[in-house]
């Protein structure tokens, strides 16, 4: 596997683990609200995450 890909996956896991580590109650409440979203709303959140990630990758080059 490409070392850059492994590094990116590791960084993603670190960033995703920060909120439950530092603010578990806030993370739990946010997760509960996410579960209540309709499919279209959840897809929109996912789309915005993908677009944000693509923009960050583009800006880093």
C-alpha atoms as a PDB file:
ATOM      1  CA  UNK A   1       0.000   0.000   0.000  1.00  0.00           C
ATOM      2  CA  UNK A   2       1.095   3.525  -0.680  1.00  0.00           C
ATOM      3  CA  UNK A   3       2.626   5.160   2.421  1.00  0.00           C
ATOM      4  CA  UNK A   4       0.759   8.411   1.700  1.00  0.00           C
ATOM      5  CA  UNK A   5      -2.557   6.555   1.743  1.00  0.00           C
ATOM      6  CA  UNK A   6      -1.689   4.847   5.017  1.00  0.00           C
ATOM      7  CA  UNK A   7      -0.689   8.207   6.513  1.00  0.00           C
ATOM      8  CA  UNK A   8      -3.952   9.792   5.332  1.00  0.00           C
ATOM      9  CA  UNK A   9      -6.011   6.952   6.828  1.00  0.00           C
ATOM     10  CA  UNK A  10      -4.112   7.238  10.109  1.00  0.00           C
ATOM     11  CA  UNK A  11      -4.679  10.986  10.237  1.00  0.00           C
ATOM     12  CA  UNK A  12      -8.381  10.472   9.533  1.00  0.00           C
ATOM     13  CA  UNK A  13      -8.637   8.048  12.466  1.00  0.00           C
ATOM     14  CA  UNK A  14      -6.827  10.469  14.768  1.00  0.00           C
ATOM     15  CA  UNK A  15      -9.108  13.352  13.789  1.00  0.00           C
ATOM     16  CA  UNK A  16     -12.270  11.248  14.109  1.00  0.00           C
ATOM     17  CA  UNK A  17     -11.180  10.060  17.538  1.00  0.00           C
ATOM     18  CA  UNK A  18     -10.531  13.513  18.988  1.00  0.00           C
ATOM     19  CA  UNK A  19     -14.139  14.550  19.644  1.00  0.00           C
ATOM     20  CA  UNK A  20     -15.214  11.379  21.490  1.00  0.00           C
ATOM     21  CA  UNK A  21     -11.953  11.507  23.457  1.00  0.00           C
ATOM     22  CA  UNK A  22     -12.209  15.164  24.501  1.00  0.00           C
ATOM     23  CA  UNK A  23     -15.980  15.772  24.549  1.00  0.00           C
ATOM     24  CA  UNK A  24     -17.792  12.428  24.736  1.00  0.00           C
ATOM     25  CA  UNK A  25     -21.176  13.891  25.770  1.00  0.00           C
ATOM     26  CA  UNK A  26     -21.161  16.409  22.917  1.00  0.00           C
ATOM     27  CA  UNK A  27     -20.156  13.652  20.476  1.00  0.00           C
ATOM     28  CA  UNK A  28     -22.993  11.429  21.736  1.00  0.00           C
ATOM     29  CA  UNK A  29     -25.592  14.206  21.346  1.00  0.00           C
ATOM     30  CA  UNK A  30     -24.327  15.049  17.845  1.00  0.00           C
ATOM     31  CA  UNK A  31     -24.469  11.375  16.881  1.00  0.00           C
ATOM     32  CA  UNK A  32     -28.052  11.119  18.157  1.00  0.00           C
ATOM     33  CA  UNK A  33     -29.031  14.134  16.042  1.00  0.00           C
ATOM     34  CA  UNK A  34     -27.343  12.612  12.992  1.00  0.00           C
ATOM     35  CA  UNK A  35     -29.359   9.396  13.413  1.00  0.00           C
ATOM     36  CA  UNK A  36     -32.588  11.418  13.323  1.00  0.00           C
ATOM     37  CA  UNK A  37     -31.746  13.016   9.953  1.00  0.00           C
ATOM     38  CA  UNK A  38     -33.588  11.860   6.862  1.00  0.00           C
ATOM     39  CA  UNK A  39     -31.618  10.023   4.165  1.00  0.00           C
ATOM     40  CA  UNK A  40     -31.453  13.080   1.918  1.00  0.00           C
ATOM     41  CA  UNK A  41     -30.150  15.271   4.732  1.00  0.00           C
ATOM     42  CA  UNK A  42     -27.537  12.695   5.678  1.00  0.00           C
ATOM     43  CA  UNK A  43     -26.452  12.379   2.054  1.00  0.00           C
ATOM     44  CA  UNK A  44     -26.069  16.176   1.912  1.00  0.00           C
ATOM     45  CA  UNK A  45     -23.813  16.095   4.989  1.00  0.00           C
ATOM     46  CA  UNK A  46     -21.758  13.344   3.336  1.00  0.00           C
ATOM     47  CA  UNK A  47     -21.559  15.295   0.065  1.00  0.00           C
ATOM     48  CA  UNK A  48     -20.350  18.412   1.889  1.00  0.00           C
ATOM     49  CA  UNK A  49     -17.701  16.333   3.673  1.00  0.00           C
ATOM     50  CA  UNK A  50     -16.485  14.886   0.376  1.00  0.00           C
ATOM     51  CA  UNK A  51     -16.401  18.312  -1.295  1.00  0.00           C
ATOM     52  CA  UNK A  52     -14.596  19.806   1.703  1.00  0.00           C
ATOM     53  CA  UNK A  53     -12.025  17.023   1.590  1.00  0.00           C
ATOM     54  CA  UNK A  54     -11.471  17.456  -2.137  1.00  0.00           C
ATOM     55  CA  UNK A  55     -10.984  21.203  -1.651  1.00  0.00           C
ATOM     56  CA  UNK A  56      -8.452  20.606   1.129  1.00  0.00           C
ATOM     57  CA  UNK A  57      -6.551  18.115  -1.030  1.00  0.00           C
ATOM     58  CA  UNK A  58      -6.602  20.563  -3.949  1.00  0.00           C
ATOM     59  CA  UNK A  59      -5.360  23.428  -1.753  1.00  0.00           C
ATOM     60  CA  UNK A  60      -2.522  21.313  -0.360  1.00  0.00           C
ATOM     61  CA  UNK A  61      -1.016  20.740  -3.808  1.00  0.00           C
END
